[in-house]
C-alpha cells in the first residue's frame, strides 16, 4: 500500500455540497487504471476546507468505489482531538491507512509535532504515512525528527518533499533518511516534477497529485523506474515538463482541477472558494497542453 504509485484525487465540490457522482467516477477511474493505492483527502483533495461530516462522507465513498484498491485517508487538522476523531471516521469507513500532516496556525516545535504523532499512533489500528509538506504546513521536519517518529507504532511511510534534480544529490538525500529509519518504513516522493527522480533515487513510493486525475503517464513512469529503466522514466517525466512548470507557477491543485474541468471529468467549478481554477490565458495554455500531451 505504501509503495508504487499512490494517486491523490480531487474532492469534487460545488459551493454547497460534494459532487458525489463525480468523485465516485474519479475513484473508479483510478481503480480501473491499476494504481497501487488511492489517497483521498490529501492536499489535492482539499481536506483543510472540509468539515468532519464531509470528510467522513468522502472516506466512505472512496472505499466504496475503489474496487479493492487500498485507500489511504488524510486526517490532518488543527487540533489533536480533531485528528483523532477524523482517524476514527477513516477507520470506520474501511480505510487501510491514514495520512497525517502537522497542520497548525501557530508554528509548531519539534516536540509538539512528535507529540501529535505519538498521540495519534497510540490510538490507531491502521498504518500511518507521515506527510512532510512544508509548502502548506510551514513546518520543516529534520531527519532526526523523522527518525524519532518513524519508530512509533503504526508509522509505515514518510512522504518527503521534492528531492534535488541532480540524480546523485537526490540519491544521497534518500540514503541519508533511509539510514535513520526502520527498514519497514517506506520513503515516498511528492512534488510531481520530482516523481521520476525520487523513485530512481530509491524512494519506494510516489505520492502523486497528477495521478489522482490522470494516472496513465504517472503509472508508466512508476513502472519504468521500479523496473530499473531510469532513462524511460526520465523521458516520460521530461515530456510533462511544461505541465510541471504550470504546477510551479499556479500550484498543482489549481492546475489539476482546471485540467479535470477541461477534460470533462468534473463539473466546473470544482474547487472550494475562495480557491478558483485557472482562467484566461493560463487556462488556454493548459488546454493546449492537454491536447498535446494526451494525458487521458
C-alpha atoms as a PDB file:
ATOM      1  CA  UNK A   1       0.000   0.000   0.000  1.00  0.00           C
ATOM      2  CA  UNK A   2       2.844   2.402   0.783  1.00  0.00           C
ATOM      3  CA  UNK A   3       4.847   1.550  -2.307  1.00  0.00           C
ATOM      4  CA  UNK A   4       4.366   2.073  -6.032  1.00  0.00           C
ATOM      5  CA  UNK A   5       2.021   4.799  -7.257  1.00  0.00           C
ATOM      6  CA  UNK A   6      -0.365   6.395  -4.782  1.00  0.00           C
ATOM      7  CA  UNK A   7      -2.933   8.573  -6.559  1.00  0.00           C
ATOM      8  CA  UNK A   8      -4.351  11.684  -4.873  1.00  0.00           C
ATOM      9  CA  UNK A   9      -7.774  12.525  -6.367  1.00  0.00           C
ATOM     10  CA  UNK A  10      -9.596  15.829  -6.298  1.00  0.00           C
ATOM     11  CA  UNK A  11     -12.558  16.213  -3.981  1.00  0.00           C
ATOM     12  CA  UNK A  12     -15.199  17.451  -6.416  1.00  0.00           C
ATOM     13  CA  UNK A  13     -17.155  20.308  -4.876  1.00  0.00           C
ATOM     14  CA  UNK A  14     -19.881  22.764  -5.645  1.00  0.00           C
ATOM     15  CA  UNK A  15     -20.175  25.740  -3.350  1.00  0.00           C
ATOM     16  CA  UNK A  16     -22.690  23.984  -1.123  1.00  0.00           C
ATOM     17  CA  UNK A  17     -22.044  20.257  -1.462  1.00  0.00           C
ATOM     18  CA  UNK A  18     -19.771  17.432  -2.520  1.00  0.00           C
ATOM     19  CA  UNK A  19     -20.446  16.207  -6.041  1.00  0.00           C
ATOM     20  CA  UNK A  20     -20.571  12.554  -5.025  1.00  0.00           C
ATOM     21  CA  UNK A  21     -21.220  11.234  -8.517  1.00  0.00           C
ATOM     22  CA  UNK A  22     -18.187  12.991  -9.991  1.00  0.00           C
ATOM     23  CA  UNK A  23     -15.991  11.907  -7.078  1.00  0.00           C
ATOM     24  CA  UNK A  24     -17.080   8.279  -7.419  1.00  0.00           C
ATOM     25  CA  UNK A  25     -16.212   8.414 -11.134  1.00  0.00           C
ATOM     26  CA  UNK A  26     -12.703   9.661 -10.335  1.00  0.00           C
ATOM     27  CA  UNK A  27     -12.147   6.857  -7.820  1.00  0.00           C
ATOM     28  CA  UNK A  28     -13.439   4.206 -10.224  1.00  0.00           C
ATOM     29  CA  UNK A  29     -11.187   5.622 -12.928  1.00  0.00           C
ATOM     30  CA  UNK A  30      -8.155   5.149 -10.666  1.00  0.00           C
ATOM     31  CA  UNK A  31      -9.157   1.611  -9.751  1.00  0.00           C
ATOM     32  CA  UNK A  32      -9.559   0.721 -13.424  1.00  0.00           C
ATOM     33  CA  UNK A  33      -6.154   2.236 -14.240  1.00  0.00           C
ATOM     34  CA  UNK A  34      -4.480  -0.023 -11.691  1.00  0.00           C
ATOM     35  CA  UNK A  35      -2.868   2.448  -9.292  1.00  0.00           C
ATOM     36  CA  UNK A  36      -1.285   0.875  -6.214  1.00  0.00           C
ATOM     37  CA  UNK A  37      -3.261   2.949  -3.718  1.00  0.00           C
ATOM     38  CA  UNK A  38      -5.712   5.850  -3.604  1.00  0.00           C
ATOM     39  CA  UNK A  39      -5.087   8.680  -1.145  1.00  0.00           C
ATOM     40  CA  UNK A  40      -8.315  10.570  -0.555  1.00  0.00           C
ATOM     41  CA  UNK A  41      -8.324  13.888   1.277  1.00  0.00           C
ATOM     42  CA  UNK A  42      -4.739  14.845   0.619  1.00  0.00           C
ATOM     43  CA  UNK A  43      -3.850  18.390  -0.354  1.00  0.00           C
ATOM     44  CA  UNK A  44      -5.239  17.712  -3.831  1.00  0.00           C
ATOM     45  CA  UNK A  45      -8.407  16.588  -2.073  1.00  0.00           C
ATOM     46  CA  UNK A  46      -8.842  19.983  -0.340  1.00  0.00           C
ATOM     47  CA  UNK A  47      -9.090  18.337   3.074  1.00  0.00           C
ATOM     48  CA  UNK A  48      -8.428  21.546   5.002  1.00  0.00           C
ATOM     49  CA  UNK A  49     -11.579  23.145   3.545  1.00  0.00           C
ATOM     50  CA  UNK A  50     -14.000  20.389   4.568  1.00  0.00           C
ATOM     51  CA  UNK A  51     -15.804  19.748   7.825  1.00  0.00           C
ATOM     52  CA  UNK A  52     -15.788  16.435   9.648  1.00  0.00           C
ATOM     53  CA  UNK A  53     -19.036  15.162   8.167  1.00  0.00           C
ATOM     54  CA  UNK A  54     -17.870  15.948   4.620  1.00  0.00           C
ATOM     55  CA  UNK A  55     -14.561  14.220   5.199  1.00  0.00           C
ATOM     56  CA  UNK A  56     -16.234  11.140   6.651  1.00  0.00           C
ATOM     57  CA  UNK A  57     -18.513  11.003   3.613  1.00  0.00           C
ATOM     58  CA  UNK A  58     -15.559  11.253   1.211  1.00  0.00           C
ATOM     59  CA  UNK A  59     -13.746   8.470   3.068  1.00  0.00           C
ATOM     60  CA  UNK A  60     -16.754   6.184   2.749  1.00  0.00           C
ATOM     61  CA  UNK A  61     -17.200   6.982  -0.937  1.00  0.00           C
ATOM     62  CA  UNK A  62     -13.531   6.373  -1.689  1.00  0.00           C
ATOM     63  CA  UNK A  63     -13.555   2.955  -0.037  1.00  0.00           C
ATOM     64  CA  UNK A  64     -16.879   2.001  -1.638  1.00  0.00           C
ATOM     65  CA  UNK A  65     -15.753   2.792  -5.181  1.00  0.00           C
ATOM     66  CA  UNK A  66     -12.077   1.763  -5.000  1.00  0.00           C
ATOM     67  CA  UNK A  67     -12.719  -1.764  -6.245  1.00  0.00           C
ATOM     68  CA  UNK A  68     -10.370  -3.321  -3.724  1.00  0.00           C
ATOM     69  CA  UNK A  69      -7.523  -0.852  -4.274  1.00  0.00           C
ATOM     70  CA  UNK A  70      -6.170   0.177  -0.847  1.00  0.00           C
ATOM     71  CA  UNK A  71      -7.461   3.569   0.305  1.00  0.00           C
ATOM     72  CA  UNK A  72      -5.447   5.988   2.445  1.00  0.00           C
ATOM     73  CA  UNK A  73      -7.366   8.882   4.030  1.00  0.00           C
ATOM     74  CA  UNK A  74      -5.947  12.236   5.103  1.00  0.00           C
ATOM     75  CA  UNK A  75      -6.660  13.132   8.738  1.00  0.00           C
ATOM     76  CA  UNK A  76      -4.760  16.401   9.197  1.00  0.00           C
ATOM     77  CA  UNK A  77      -6.463  19.096  11.320  1.00  0.00           C
ATOM     78  CA  UNK A  78      -5.600  21.945  13.665  1.00  0.00           C
ATOM     79  CA  UNK A  79      -6.231  20.191  16.973  1.00  0.00           C
ATOM     80  CA  UNK A  80      -5.219  16.741  18.147  1.00  0.00           C
ATOM     81  CA  UNK A  81      -8.765  15.924  19.232  1.00  0.00           C
ATOM     82  CA  UNK A  82      -9.969  16.658  15.686  1.00  0.00           C
ATOM     83  CA  UNK A  83      -7.244  14.473  14.192  1.00  0.00           C
ATOM     84  CA  UNK A  84      -8.255  11.613  16.489  1.00  0.00           C
ATOM     85  CA  UNK A  85     -11.916  11.988  15.510  1.00  0.00           C
ATOM     86  CA  UNK A  86     -11.004  12.009  11.809  1.00  0.00           C
ATOM     87  CA  UNK A  87      -8.830   8.943  12.284  1.00  0.00           C
ATOM     88  CA  UNK A  88     -11.761   7.152  13.881  1.00  0.00           C
ATOM     89  CA  UNK A  89     -14.018   8.131  10.966  1.00  0.00           C
ATOM     90  CA  UNK A  90     -11.461   6.948   8.407  1.00  0.00           C
ATOM     91  CA  UNK A  91     -11.048   3.594  10.118  1.00  0.00           C
ATOM     92  CA  UNK A  92     -14.801   3.099  10.427  1.00  0.00           C
ATOM     93  CA  UNK A  93     -15.118   3.862   6.704  1.00  0.00           C
ATOM     94  CA  UNK A  94     -12.731   0.988   5.946  1.00  0.00           C
ATOM     95  CA  UNK A  95      -9.587   2.936   5.076  1.00  0.00           C
ATOM     96  CA  UNK A  96      -6.492   0.745   5.094  1.00  0.00           C
ATOM     97  CA  UNK A  97      -4.201   3.628   6.078  1.00  0.00           C
ATOM     98  CA  UNK A  98      -4.135   7.283   7.078  1.00  0.00           C
ATOM     99  CA  UNK A  99      -2.067  10.293   6.058  1.00  0.00           C
ATOM    100  CA  UNK A 100      -1.177  12.951   8.624  1.00  0.00           C
ATOM    101  CA  UNK A 101       0.407  16.375   8.151  1.00  0.00           C
ATOM    102  CA  UNK A 102       1.192  18.613  11.151  1.00  0.00           C
ATOM    103  CA  UNK A 103      -1.378  21.288  10.328  1.00  0.00           C
ATOM    104  CA  UNK A 104      -1.238  24.405  12.514  1.00  0.00           C
ATOM    105  CA  UNK A 105      -1.950  28.122  12.619  1.00  0.00           C
ATOM    106  CA  UNK A 106       0.808  28.688  15.180  1.00  0.00           C
ATOM    107  CA  UNK A 107       4.271  27.444  14.176  1.00  0.00           C
ATOM    108  CA  UNK A 108       4.858  24.101  15.871  1.00  0.00           C
ATOM    109  CA  UNK A 109       8.004  22.951  17.659  1.00  0.00           C
ATOM    110  CA  UNK A 110       9.663  19.586  17.053  1.00  0.00           C
ATOM    111  CA  UNK A 111       8.366  18.415  20.419  1.00  0.00           C
ATOM    112  CA  UNK A 112       4.803  19.390  19.583  1.00  0.00           C
ATOM    113  CA  UNK A 113       4.930  17.589  16.239  1.00  0.00           C
ATOM    114  CA  UNK A 114       6.378  14.456  17.830  1.00  0.00           C
ATOM    115  CA  UNK A 115       3.644  14.633  20.461  1.00  0.00           C
ATOM    116  CA  UNK A 116       0.981  14.824  17.747  1.00  0.00           C
ATOM    117  CA  UNK A 117       2.191  11.649  16.058  1.00  0.00           C
ATOM    118  CA  UNK A 118       2.684   9.921  19.404  1.00  0.00           C
ATOM    119  CA  UNK A 119      -0.884  10.719  20.464  1.00  0.00           C
ATOM    120  CA  UNK A 120      -2.381   9.636  17.151  1.00  0.00           C
ATOM    121  CA  UNK A 121      -0.426   6.421  16.637  1.00  0.00           C
ATOM    122  CA  UNK A 122      -1.338   5.347  20.177  1.00  0.00           C
ATOM    123  CA  UNK A 123      -5.000   5.231  19.092  1.00  0.00           C
ATOM    124  CA  UNK A 124      -4.648   3.875  15.538  1.00  0.00           C
ATOM    125  CA  UNK A 125      -5.393   0.382  14.299  1.00  0.00           C
ATOM    126  CA  UNK A 126      -4.206   1.056  10.705  1.00  0.00           C
ATOM    127  CA  UNK A 127      -0.795   2.186   9.391  1.00  0.00           C
ATOM    128  CA  UNK A 128       0.092   5.867   9.062  1.00  0.00           C
ATOM    129  CA  UNK A 129       2.009   7.886   6.493  1.00  0.00           C
ATOM    130  CA  UNK A 130       3.835  10.983   7.771  1.00  0.00           C
ATOM    131  CA  UNK A 131       3.037  13.885   5.452  1.00  0.00           C
ATOM    132  CA  UNK A 132       6.072  16.188   5.242  1.00  0.00           C
ATOM    133  CA  UNK A 133       4.715  19.148   3.274  1.00  0.00           C
ATOM    134  CA  UNK A 134       6.425  22.390   4.336  1.00  0.00           C
ATOM    135  CA  UNK A 135       4.890  24.287   1.431  1.00  0.00           C
ATOM    136  CA  UNK A 136       1.477  24.144   3.099  1.00  0.00           C
ATOM    137  CA  UNK A 137       2.189  23.442   6.787  1.00  0.00           C
ATOM    138  CA  UNK A 138       5.261  25.727   7.026  1.00  0.00           C
ATOM    139  CA  UNK A 139       6.843  23.121   9.295  1.00  0.00           C
ATOM    140  CA  UNK A 140      10.157  21.579   8.250  1.00  0.00           C
ATOM    141  CA  UNK A 141      10.973  18.115   9.518  1.00  0.00           C
ATOM    142  CA  UNK A 142      14.580  17.358  10.359  1.00  0.00           C
ATOM    143  CA  UNK A 143      15.874  13.893   9.588  1.00  0.00           C
ATOM    144  CA  UNK A 144      16.342  13.420  13.319  1.00  0.00           C
ATOM    145  CA  UNK A 145      12.651  14.116  13.935  1.00  0.00           C
ATOM    146  CA  UNK A 146      11.675  11.756  11.122  1.00  0.00           C
ATOM    147  CA  UNK A 147      13.809   9.092  12.764  1.00  0.00           C
ATOM    148  CA  UNK A 148      12.018   9.532  16.115  1.00  0.00           C
ATOM    149  CA  UNK A 149       8.553   9.481  14.568  1.00  0.00           C
ATOM    150  CA  UNK A 150       9.363   6.525  12.295  1.00  0.00           C
ATOM    151  CA  UNK A 151       9.918   4.375  15.381  1.00  0.00           C
ATOM    152  CA  UNK A 152       6.412   4.972  16.700  1.00  0.00           C
ATOM    153  CA  UNK A 153       3.918   2.120  16.307  1.00  0.00           C
ATOM    154  CA  UNK A 154       1.864   2.121  13.097  1.00  0.00           C
ATOM    155  CA  UNK A 155       4.168   4.503  11.204  1.00  0.00           C
ATOM    156  CA  UNK A 156       4.610   2.865   7.793  1.00  0.00           C
ATOM    157  CA  UNK A 157       5.796   5.562   5.385  1.00  0.00           C
ATOM    158  CA  UNK A 158       7.190   9.078   5.100  1.00  0.00           C
ATOM    159  CA  UNK A 159       6.039  11.347   2.284  1.00  0.00           C
ATOM    160  CA  UNK A 160       9.000  13.643   1.655  1.00  0.00           C
ATOM    161  CA  UNK A 161       9.175  16.932  -0.280  1.00  0.00           C
ATOM    162  CA  UNK A 162      10.873  17.120  -3.695  1.00  0.00           C
ATOM    163  CA  UNK A 163      14.447  15.840  -3.928  1.00  0.00           C
ATOM    164  CA  UNK A 164      17.254  17.700  -5.745  1.00  0.00           C
ATOM    165  CA  UNK A 165      17.140  17.488  -9.522  1.00  0.00           C
ATOM    166  CA  UNK A 166      20.714  16.154  -9.679  1.00  0.00           C
ATOM    167  CA  UNK A 167      20.466  12.333  -9.552  1.00  0.00           C
ATOM    168  CA  UNK A 168      23.455  11.861  -7.241  1.00  0.00           C
ATOM    169  CA  UNK A 169      22.259  14.553  -4.832  1.00  0.00           C
ATOM    170  CA  UNK A 170      18.787  13.002  -4.882  1.00  0.00           C
ATOM    171  CA  UNK A 171      20.174   9.555  -4.114  1.00  0.00           C
ATOM    172  CA  UNK A 172      22.298  10.947  -1.284  1.00  0.00           C
ATOM    173  CA  UNK A 173      19.269  12.697   0.222  1.00  0.00           C
ATOM    174  CA  UNK A 174      17.194   9.485   0.195  1.00  0.00           C
ATOM    175  CA  UNK A 175      20.081   7.421   1.561  1.00  0.00           C
ATOM    176  CA  UNK A 176      20.598   9.838   4.474  1.00  0.00           C
ATOM    177  CA  UNK A 177      16.998   9.393   5.563  1.00  0.00           C
ATOM    178  CA  UNK A 178      16.965   5.646   4.869  1.00  0.00           C
ATOM    179  CA  UNK A 179      19.941   5.164   7.193  1.00  0.00           C
ATOM    180  CA  UNK A 180      17.977   6.692  10.095  1.00  0.00           C
ATOM    181  CA  UNK A 181      14.590   4.984   9.870  1.00  0.00           C
ATOM    182  CA  UNK A 182      13.434   1.375  10.293  1.00  0.00           C
ATOM    183  CA  UNK A 183      13.730  -0.793   7.206  1.00  0.00           C
ATOM    184  CA  UNK A 184       9.988  -1.460   7.062  1.00  0.00           C
ATOM    185  CA  UNK A 185       9.126   2.273   6.825  1.00  0.00           C
ATOM    186  CA  UNK A 186       8.958   3.285   3.178  1.00  0.00           C
ATOM    187  CA  UNK A 187      10.003   6.625   1.729  1.00  0.00           C
ATOM    188  CA  UNK A 188       7.656   8.208  -0.793  1.00  0.00           C
ATOM    189  CA  UNK A 189       8.391  11.176  -3.016  1.00  0.00           C
ATOM    190  CA  UNK A 190       5.943  14.031  -3.538  1.00  0.00           C
ATOM    191  CA  UNK A 191       6.079  17.033  -5.843  1.00  0.00           C
ATOM    192  CA  UNK A 192       5.223  15.540  -9.203  1.00  0.00           C
ATOM    193  CA  UNK A 193       8.153  17.075 -11.065  1.00  0.00           C
ATOM    194  CA  UNK A 194      10.405  15.069  -8.706  1.00  0.00           C
ATOM    195  CA  UNK A 195       8.490  11.814  -9.067  1.00  0.00           C
ATOM    196  CA  UNK A 196      10.801  10.062 -11.508  1.00  0.00           C
ATOM    197  CA  UNK A 197      13.971  11.371  -9.862  1.00  0.00           C
ATOM    198  CA  UNK A 198      12.789  10.326  -6.403  1.00  0.00           C
ATOM    199  CA  UNK A 199      11.875   6.811  -7.496  1.00  0.00           C
ATOM    200  CA  UNK A 200      15.192   6.388  -9.310  1.00  0.00           C
ATOM    201  CA  UNK A 201      16.982   7.674  -6.187  1.00  0.00           C
ATOM    202  CA  UNK A 202      15.491   4.908  -4.060  1.00  0.00           C
ATOM    203  CA  UNK A 203      12.055   6.062  -2.922  1.00  0.00           C
ATOM    204  CA  UNK A 204       9.650   3.136  -2.753  1.00  0.00           C
ATOM    205  CA  UNK A 205       6.526   5.194  -3.485  1.00  0.00           C
ATOM    206  CA  UNK A 206       5.384   8.187  -5.490  1.00  0.00           C
ATOM    207  CA  UNK A 207       2.570  10.160  -3.854  1.00  0.00           C
ATOM    208  CA  UNK A 208       1.235  11.874  -6.956  1.00  0.00           C
ATOM    209  CA  UNK A 209      -1.254  14.688  -7.421  1.00  0.00           C
ATOM    210  CA  UNK A 210      -1.404  14.260 -11.208  1.00  0.00           C
ATOM    211  CA  UNK A 211      -2.093  10.536 -10.908  1.00  0.00           C
ATOM    212  CA  UNK A 212      -5.258  11.244  -8.936  1.00  0.00           C
ATOM    213  CA  UNK A 213      -6.921  12.529 -12.117  1.00  0.00           C
ATOM    214  CA  UNK A 214      -4.656  11.440 -14.974  1.00  0.00           C
ATOM    215  CA  UNK A 215      -2.947   8.196 -13.887  1.00  0.00           C
ATOM    216  CA  UNK A 216      -1.745   6.821 -17.237  1.00  0.00           C
ATOM    217  CA  UNK A 217       1.645   8.546 -17.581  1.00  0.00           C
ATOM    218  CA  UNK A 218       2.463   8.538 -13.832  1.00  0.00           C
ATOM    219  CA  UNK A 219       1.845   4.782 -13.855  1.00  0.00           C
ATOM    220  CA  UNK A 220       4.210   4.334 -16.797  1.00  0.00           C
ATOM    221  CA  UNK A 221       6.863   6.441 -15.030  1.00  0.00           C
ATOM    222  CA  UNK A 222       6.497   4.437 -11.827  1.00  0.00           C
ATOM    223  CA  UNK A 223       6.653   1.076 -13.551  1.00  0.00           C
ATOM    224  CA  UNK A 224       9.730   2.086 -15.559  1.00  0.00           C
ATOM    225  CA  UNK A 225      11.576   3.470 -12.525  1.00  0.00           C
ATOM    226  CA  UNK A 226      10.820   0.470 -10.322  1.00  0.00           C
ATOM    227  CA  UNK A 227      11.927  -1.882 -13.118  1.00  0.00           C
ATOM    228  CA  UNK A 228      15.300  -0.117 -13.230  1.00  0.00           C
ATOM    229  CA  UNK A 229      14.630   1.658 -16.528  1.00  0.00           C
ATOM    230  CA  UNK A 230      15.710   5.113 -15.391  1.00  0.00           C
ATOM    231  CA  UNK A 231      16.104   6.588 -18.901  1.00  0.00           C
ATOM    232  CA  UNK A 232      12.488   5.730 -19.785  1.00  0.00           C
ATOM    233  CA  UNK A 233      11.168   7.134 -16.521  1.00  0.00           C
ATOM    234  CA  UNK A 234      13.062  10.382 -17.055  1.00  0.00           C
ATOM    235  CA  UNK A 235      11.984  10.558 -20.694  1.00  0.00           C
ATOM    236  CA  UNK A 236       8.329  10.270 -19.768  1.00  0.00           C
ATOM    237  CA  UNK A 237       8.666  12.814 -16.966  1.00  0.00           C
ATOM    238  CA  UNK A 238      10.517  15.155 -19.326  1.00  0.00           C
ATOM    239  CA  UNK A 239       7.550  15.091 -21.702  1.00  0.00           C
ATOM    240  CA  UNK A 240       5.496  16.593 -18.884  1.00  0.00           C
ATOM    241  CA  UNK A 241       7.958  19.433 -18.188  1.00  0.00           C
ATOM    242  CA  UNK A 242       5.535  22.133 -19.446  1.00  0.00           C
ATOM    243  CA  UNK A 243       2.916  20.786 -17.061  1.00  0.00           C
ATOM    244  CA  UNK A 244       5.389  20.733 -14.159  1.00  0.00           C
ATOM    245  CA  UNK A 245       6.138  24.387 -14.956  1.00  0.00           C
ATOM    246  CA  UNK A 246       2.429  25.240 -14.662  1.00  0.00           C
ATOM    247  CA  UNK A 247       2.297  23.395 -11.351  1.00  0.00           C
ATOM    248  CA  UNK A 248       5.172  25.516 -10.123  1.00  0.00           C
ATOM    249  CA  UNK A 249       3.572  28.738 -11.286  1.00  0.00           C
ATOM    250  CA  UNK A 250      -0.023  28.229 -10.146  1.00  0.00           C
ATOM    251  CA  UNK A 251       0.075  25.265  -7.757  1.00  0.00           C
ATOM    252  CA  UNK A 252      -0.786  21.680  -8.623  1.00  0.00           C
ATOM    253  CA  UNK A 253      -4.299  21.859  -7.130  1.00  0.00           C
ATOM    254  CA  UNK A 254      -5.450  24.707  -9.383  1.00  0.00           C
ATOM    255  CA  UNK A 255      -3.759  23.223 -12.452  1.00  0.00           C
ATOM    256  CA  UNK A 256      -5.159  19.714 -11.959  1.00  0.00           C
ATOM    257  CA  UNK A 257      -8.645  20.971 -11.165  1.00  0.00           C
ATOM    258  CA  UNK A 258      -8.581  23.086 -14.320  1.00  0.00           C
ATOM    259  CA  UNK A 259      -7.337  20.170 -16.399  1.00  0.00           C
ATOM    260  CA  UNK A 260     -10.068  17.920 -14.989  1.00  0.00           C
ATOM    261  CA  UNK A 261     -12.691  20.537 -15.855  1.00  0.00           C
ATOM    262  CA  UNK A 262     -11.327  20.951 -19.388  1.00  0.00           C
ATOM    263  CA  UNK A 263     -11.264  17.188 -19.896  1.00  0.00           C
ATOM    264  CA  UNK A 264     -14.892  16.908 -18.803  1.00  0.00           C
ATOM    265  CA  UNK A 265     -14.029  14.685 -15.844  1.00  0.00           C
ATOM    266  CA  UNK A 266     -15.532  17.044 -13.266  1.00  0.00           C
ATOM    267  CA  UNK A 267     -18.051  19.891 -13.406  1.00  0.00           C
ATOM    268  CA  UNK A 268     -16.789  23.461 -13.289  1.00  0.00           C
ATOM    269  CA  UNK A 269     -16.087  24.974 -10.855  1.00  0.00           C
ATOM    270  CA  UNK A 270     -14.926  22.128  -8.611  1.00  0.00           C
ATOM    271  CA  UNK A 271     -12.755  23.888  -6.004  1.00  0.00           C
ATOM    272  CA  UNK A 272     -13.761  25.290  -2.598  1.00  0.00           C
ATOM    273  CA  UNK A 273     -13.963  29.055  -2.785  1.00  0.00           C
ATOM    274  CA  UNK A 274     -12.065  31.287  -2.434  1.00  0.00           C
ATOM    275  CA  UNK A 275      -9.736  28.950  -4.389  1.00  0.00           C
ATOM    276  CA  UNK A 276     -10.505  29.059  -8.092  1.00  0.00           C
ATOM    277  CA  UNK A 277      -9.370  27.135 -11.122  1.00  0.00           C
ATOM    278  CA  UNK A 278      -7.337  28.875 -13.809  1.00  0.00           C
ATOM    279  CA  UNK A 279      -8.889  31.352 -16.208  1.00  0.00           C
ATOM    280  CA  UNK A 280      -7.871  33.358 -19.255  1.00  0.00           C
ATOM    281  CA  UNK A 281      -4.504  32.772 -20.870  1.00  0.00           C
ATOM    282  CA  UNK A 282      -3.405  30.234 -18.253  1.00  0.00           C
ATOM    283  CA  UNK A 283      -6.495  28.115 -18.892  1.00  0.00           C
ATOM    284  CA  UNK A 284      -5.892  28.282 -22.634  1.00  0.00           C
ATOM    285  CA  UNK A 285      -2.254  27.219 -22.184  1.00  0.00           C
ATOM    286  CA  UNK A 286      -3.333  24.264 -20.075  1.00  0.00           C
ATOM    287  CA  UNK A 287      -5.970  23.257 -22.622  1.00  0.00           C
ATOM    288  CA  UNK A 288      -3.364  23.241 -25.377  1.00  0.00           C
ATOM    289  CA  UNK A 289      -1.074  21.139 -23.184  1.00  0.00           C
ATOM    290  CA  UNK A 290      -3.817  18.592 -22.565  1.00  0.00           C
ATOM    291  CA  UNK A 291      -4.291  18.140 -26.292  1.00  0.00           C
ATOM    292  CA  UNK A 292      -0.565  17.804 -26.913  1.00  0.00           C
ATOM    293  CA  UNK A 293       0.320  15.525 -24.000  1.00  0.00           C
ATOM    294  CA  UNK A 294      -2.668  13.184 -24.350  1.00  0.00           C
ATOM    295  CA  UNK A 295      -2.899  12.757 -20.580  1.00  0.00           C
ATOM    296  CA  UNK A 296      -6.192  10.896 -20.691  1.00  0.00           C
END
